[in-house]
Amino acid sequence: MTSALVDLRNAVRPFLENLTAGDSAIVAVSGGADSLALAYALNKEARDLAITLIGVTVDHQLQSSSADQAKKVQLALKEMGFQEALIEKVIVEENSGLEADARAARYAALDSVAHAFGASQIFLGHTRDDQAETVLLGLARGSGTRSLSGMAVVNGKYARPFLNITREQTVAACAEAGLIPWNDPHHENEKFTRVKVRNKVLPLMEAELGPGIAAALSRSAAILRDDADALVEM
């Protein structure tokens, strides 16, 4: 059985091989296990490919300790060997709901940094578990095929190498690498629908229907994405 770190490095390698020597790429890092493990794996694999990685942590300024946490992430990235480790502060203006507005502010900041550095790729640490949550949220909204297809592996500049990797694997990889992930308090706040899905709905489905629910939902998302793409072409 391979180690979690080996699995993660194998997952990111094809994405880096699609880039060209001299290219720059952004890695979005919140400090959680998923994004820390992504940054570590990418940094290990990029060294021999002459690809410049820029680590970016976005400070949403929604918690009193957010600035301190951003500095901790910046330090962790520099200790990994990142030459560029940036903190981008954003102001979240609530219009569509805190989750959606924070996401919009975060992506805008990442796009801005990518433009400034001429980066051809922005790597995100979403896992198979995140994909399963996204599909369930789409089902709850009564969304169509495109929404139920979840997150794309590659969508323009955005790439998600870990959509076939579990959250459990990223936690194990951090332990192997000696990385200390941050547990965002918002991830325990059940006023957010995604947190309810993560902490209550999926565990209940696993308990009642058996293990493998997240994997099944992720597979369904991939099938639906192919169907949606075919419909668009037709």
Protein backbone atom coordinates (compact mmCIF):
# COMPACT_ATOMS: atom_id res chain seq x y z
CA MET A 1 0.00 0.00 0.00
CA THR A 2 1.40 3.39 -1.00
CA SER A 3 1.64 6.23 1.47
CA ALA A 4 -0.81 9.12 1.35
CA LEU A 5 1.98 11.47 0.28
CA VAL A 6 2.85 9.27 -2.68
CA ASP A 7 -0.81 9.18 -3.73
CA LEU A 8 -1.02 12.96 -3.56
CA ARG A 9 2.19 13.50 -5.50
CA ASN A 10 0.95 11.09 -8.16
CA ALA A 11 -2.32 13.07 -8.31
CA VAL A 12 -0.65 16.44 -8.97
CA ARG A 13 2.07 15.26 -11.35
CA PRO A 14 -0.05 15.13 -14.55
CA PHE A 15 -1.28 18.67 -13.97
CA LEU A 16 2.25 20.01 -13.65
CA GLU A 17 3.41 18.04 -16.69
CA ASN A 18 0.78 19.89 -18.73
CA LEU A 19 2.60 23.13 -17.95
CA THR A 20 5.78 24.34 -19.63
CA ALA A 21 9.15 25.04 -18.03
CA GLY A 22 9.17 28.67 -16.95
CA ASP A 23 5.42 28.79 -16.31
CA SER A 24 4.03 30.16 -13.06
CA ALA A 25 1.11 28.68 -11.12
CA ILE A 26 -0.89 29.80 -8.10
CA VAL A 27 -1.66 27.50 -5.16
CA ALA A 28 -4.57 28.61 -2.97
CA VAL A 29 -3.84 27.67 0.65
CA SER A 30 -6.23 28.22 3.54
CA GLY A 31 -4.11 26.29 6.02
CA GLY A 32 -6.49 23.34 6.21
CA ALA A 33 -5.27 19.79 5.57
CA ASP A 34 -6.46 19.70 1.95
CA SER A 35 -4.73 22.86 0.76
CA LEU A 36 -1.59 22.35 2.88
CA ALA A 37 -1.16 18.86 1.43
CA LEU A 38 -1.76 20.22 -2.07
CA ALA A 39 0.91 22.89 -1.62
CA TYR A 40 3.38 20.33 -0.27
CA ALA A 41 2.78 17.83 -3.08
CA LEU A 42 2.95 20.47 -5.80
CA ASN A 43 6.12 21.97 -4.39
CA LYS A 44 7.84 18.56 -4.31
CA GLU A 45 6.85 17.77 -7.90
CA ALA A 46 7.48 21.21 -9.40
CA ARG A 47 11.12 21.44 -8.38
CA ASP A 48 12.45 19.42 -11.32
CA LEU A 49 10.09 20.97 -13.87
CA ALA A 50 11.25 24.61 -13.64
CA ILE A 51 7.74 25.73 -12.72
CA THR A 52 7.35 28.64 -10.31
CA LEU A 53 4.71 28.17 -7.63
CA ILE A 54 3.16 31.14 -5.84
CA GLY A 55 1.37 30.30 -2.63
CA VAL A 56 -1.59 32.53 -1.82
CA THR A 57 -3.65 32.60 1.36
CA VAL A 58 -6.74 34.80 1.38
CA ASP A 59 -7.58 36.64 4.58
CA HIS A 60 -11.36 37.17 4.49
CA GLN A 61 -11.13 39.24 7.71
CA LEU A 62 -14.23 37.50 9.06
CA GLN A 63 -12.60 36.32 12.29
CA SER A 64 -10.62 38.26 14.87
CA SER A 65 -7.64 35.91 14.47
CA SER A 66 -7.67 35.78 10.67
CA ALA A 67 -4.56 37.94 10.23
CA ASP A 68 -2.54 35.73 12.60
CA GLN A 69 -3.75 32.60 10.80
CA ALA A 70 -2.78 34.05 7.43
CA LYS A 71 0.73 34.74 8.73
CA LYS A 72 1.00 31.14 9.98
CA VAL A 73 0.07 29.85 6.52
CA GLN A 74 2.58 32.19 4.93
CA LEU A 75 5.31 30.89 7.26
CA ALA A 76 4.36 27.26 6.55
CA LEU A 77 4.64 27.90 2.81
CA LYS A 78 8.05 29.51 3.17
CA GLU A 79 9.22 26.57 5.28
CA MET A 80 8.12 24.26 2.45
CA GLY A 81 10.34 26.21 0.10
CA PHE A 82 7.94 28.63 -1.59
CA GLN A 83 9.80 31.72 -2.76
CA GLU A 84 6.54 33.62 -3.11
CA ALA A 85 4.00 33.24 -0.29
CA LEU A 86 1.41 35.99 -0.36
CA ILE A 87 -1.40 37.14 1.91
CA GLU A 88 -4.33 38.70 0.08
CA LYS A 89 -6.80 40.59 2.25
CA VAL A 90 -10.36 40.88 0.97
CA ILE A 91 -13.53 42.56 2.15
CA VAL A 92 -16.59 40.30 2.02
CA GLU A 93 -19.71 42.27 1.24
CA GLU A 94 -22.77 40.19 2.05
CA ASN A 95 -25.19 40.18 -0.85
CA SER A 96 -25.92 36.55 -1.69
CA GLY A 97 -25.01 34.99 1.66
CA LEU A 98 -21.73 34.75 3.54
CA GLU A 99 -20.50 31.51 1.92
CA ALA A 100 -21.16 32.65 -1.64
CA ASP A 101 -19.83 36.17 -1.09
CA ALA A 102 -16.65 34.94 0.63
CA ARG A 103 -16.11 32.53 -2.28
CA ALA A 104 -16.56 35.32 -4.82
CA ALA A 105 -14.09 37.58 -2.98
CA ARG A 106 -11.59 34.74 -2.71
CA TYR A 107 -11.72 33.85 -6.39
CA ALA A 108 -11.42 37.50 -7.38
CA ALA A 109 -8.25 37.78 -5.27
CA LEU A 110 -6.78 34.62 -6.80
CA ASP A 111 -7.56 35.86 -10.32
CA SER A 112 -5.87 39.18 -9.52
CA VAL A 113 -2.68 37.49 -8.29
CA ALA A 114 -2.66 35.14 -11.31
CA HIS A 115 -2.91 38.14 -13.62
CA ALA A 116 -0.11 39.99 -11.79
CA PHE A 117 2.27 37.02 -12.05
CA GLY A 118 1.13 35.81 -15.47
CA ALA A 119 0.18 32.46 -13.91
CA SER A 120 -1.35 29.94 -16.29
CA GLN A 121 -2.94 27.76 -13.58
CA ILE A 122 -4.61 28.21 -10.20
CA PHE A 123 -4.60 25.05 -8.07
CA LEU A 124 -7.39 24.41 -5.57
CA GLY A 125 -7.47 21.72 -2.88
CA HIS A 126 -11.03 20.43 -3.25
CA THR A 127 -11.31 16.71 -2.50
CA ARG A 128 -13.70 13.89 -3.34
CA ASP A 129 -15.54 14.68 -0.11
CA ASP A 130 -16.04 18.29 -1.22
CA GLN A 131 -17.39 17.01 -4.53
CA ALA A 132 -19.90 14.76 -2.76
CA GLU A 133 -21.08 17.68 -0.63
CA THR A 134 -21.48 19.84 -3.74
CA VAL A 135 -23.63 17.21 -5.46
CA LEU A 136 -25.88 16.83 -2.40
CA LEU A 137 -26.29 20.60 -2.16
CA GLY A 138 -27.27 20.66 -5.83
CA LEU A 139 -29.84 17.94 -5.25
CA ALA A 140 -31.29 19.88 -2.32
CA ARG A 141 -31.71 22.95 -4.54
CA GLY A 142 -33.40 20.91 -7.27
CA SER A 143 -30.67 21.92 -9.71
CA GLY A 144 -30.21 20.69 -13.26
CA THR A 145 -27.62 18.41 -14.82
CA ARG A 146 -24.84 20.99 -14.97
CA SER A 147 -25.11 21.84 -11.27
CA LEU A 148 -25.33 18.18 -10.26
CA SER A 149 -22.12 17.49 -12.17
CA GLY A 150 -20.28 19.23 -9.34
CA MET A 151 -16.89 20.85 -9.69
CA ALA A 152 -14.83 20.39 -12.83
CA VAL A 153 -11.33 18.95 -12.56
CA VAL A 154 -10.19 21.77 -14.84
CA ASN A 155 -12.24 24.90 -15.45
CA GLY A 156 -10.27 27.53 -17.32
CA LYS A 157 -7.28 28.45 -15.17
CA TYR A 158 -8.65 26.55 -12.16
CA ALA A 159 -7.45 23.00 -11.53
CA ARG A 160 -8.50 20.57 -8.80
CA PRO A 161 -6.02 17.65 -8.73
CA PHE A 162 -7.56 16.12 -5.58
CA LEU A 163 -11.11 15.39 -6.74
CA ASN A 164 -10.29 11.67 -6.58
CA ILE A 165 -8.46 12.06 -3.25
CA THR A 166 -10.25 11.80 0.09
CA ARG A 167 -10.08 14.24 2.97
CA GLU A 168 -8.75 11.37 5.06
CA GLN A 169 -5.80 11.02 2.68
CA THR A 170 -4.90 14.70 2.91
CA VAL A 171 -4.97 14.54 6.72
CA ALA A 172 -2.71 11.46 6.62
CA ALA A 173 -0.35 13.19 4.17
CA CYS A 174 -0.03 16.19 6.47
CA ALA A 175 0.86 13.86 9.35
CA GLU A 176 3.50 12.15 7.20
CA ALA A 177 5.01 15.49 6.17
CA GLY A 178 4.92 16.95 9.67
CA LEU A 179 2.44 19.66 8.66
CA ILE A 180 -0.02 21.03 11.20
CA PRO A 181 -3.36 21.86 9.56
CA TRP A 182 -5.66 24.60 10.76
CA ASN A 183 -9.24 23.74 11.63
CA ASP A 184 -11.38 26.66 10.49
CA PRO A 185 -14.07 27.39 13.15
CA HIS A 186 -16.49 28.09 10.29
CA HIS A 187 -16.26 24.41 9.39
CA GLU A 188 -18.04 23.58 12.65
CA ASN A 189 -20.68 26.29 12.40
CA GLU A 190 -23.89 24.60 11.36
CA LYS A 191 -25.55 27.80 10.26
CA PHE A 192 -23.73 27.04 7.01
CA THR A 193 -25.57 24.45 4.92
CA ARG A 194 -22.38 22.81 3.67
CA VAL A 195 -21.27 22.22 7.26
CA LYS A 196 -24.56 20.44 7.99
CA VAL A 197 -24.07 18.24 4.94
CA ARG A 198 -20.47 17.47 5.98
CA ASN A 199 -21.07 16.82 9.67
CA LYS A 200 -24.57 15.34 9.68
CA VAL A 201 -26.03 14.35 6.32
CA LEU A 202 -23.12 12.44 4.77
CA PRO A 203 -22.22 10.58 8.01
CA LEU A 204 -25.89 9.58 8.40
CA MET A 205 -26.03 8.32 4.82
CA GLU A 206 -22.83 6.33 5.37
CA ALA A 207 -24.24 4.85 8.58
CA GLU A 208 -27.63 3.94 7.11
CA LEU A 209 -26.73 3.00 3.54
CA GLY A 210 -23.19 1.73 4.00
CA PRO A 211 -19.75 3.13 3.19
CA GLY A 212 -18.83 4.53 -0.20
CA ILE A 213 -21.50 7.23 -0.50
CA ALA A 214 -18.98 10.01 -1.16
CA ALA A 215 -17.27 7.95 -3.86
CA ALA A 216 -20.62 7.11 -5.48
CA LEU A 217 -21.71 10.76 -5.51
CA SER A 218 -18.37 11.77 -7.02
CA ARG A 219 -18.74 9.14 -9.76
CA SER A 220 -22.26 10.37 -10.46
CA ALA A 221 -20.93 13.91 -10.79
CA ALA A 222 -18.37 12.81 -13.38
CA ILE A 223 -21.04 10.94 -15.40
CA LEU A 224 -23.41 13.91 -15.28
CA ARG A 225 -20.65 16.27 -16.36
CA ASP A 226 -20.00 14.11 -19.43
CA ASP A 227 -23.75 14.12 -20.16
CA ALA A 228 -23.97 17.89 -19.74
CA ASP A 229 -20.98 18.42 -22.05
CA ALA A 230 -22.55 16.14 -24.66
CA LEU A 231 -25.84 18.04 -24.49
CA VAL A 232 -24.02 21.34 -24.98
CA GLU A 233 -22.23 19.96 -28.04
CA MET A 234 -25.52 18.67 -29.49
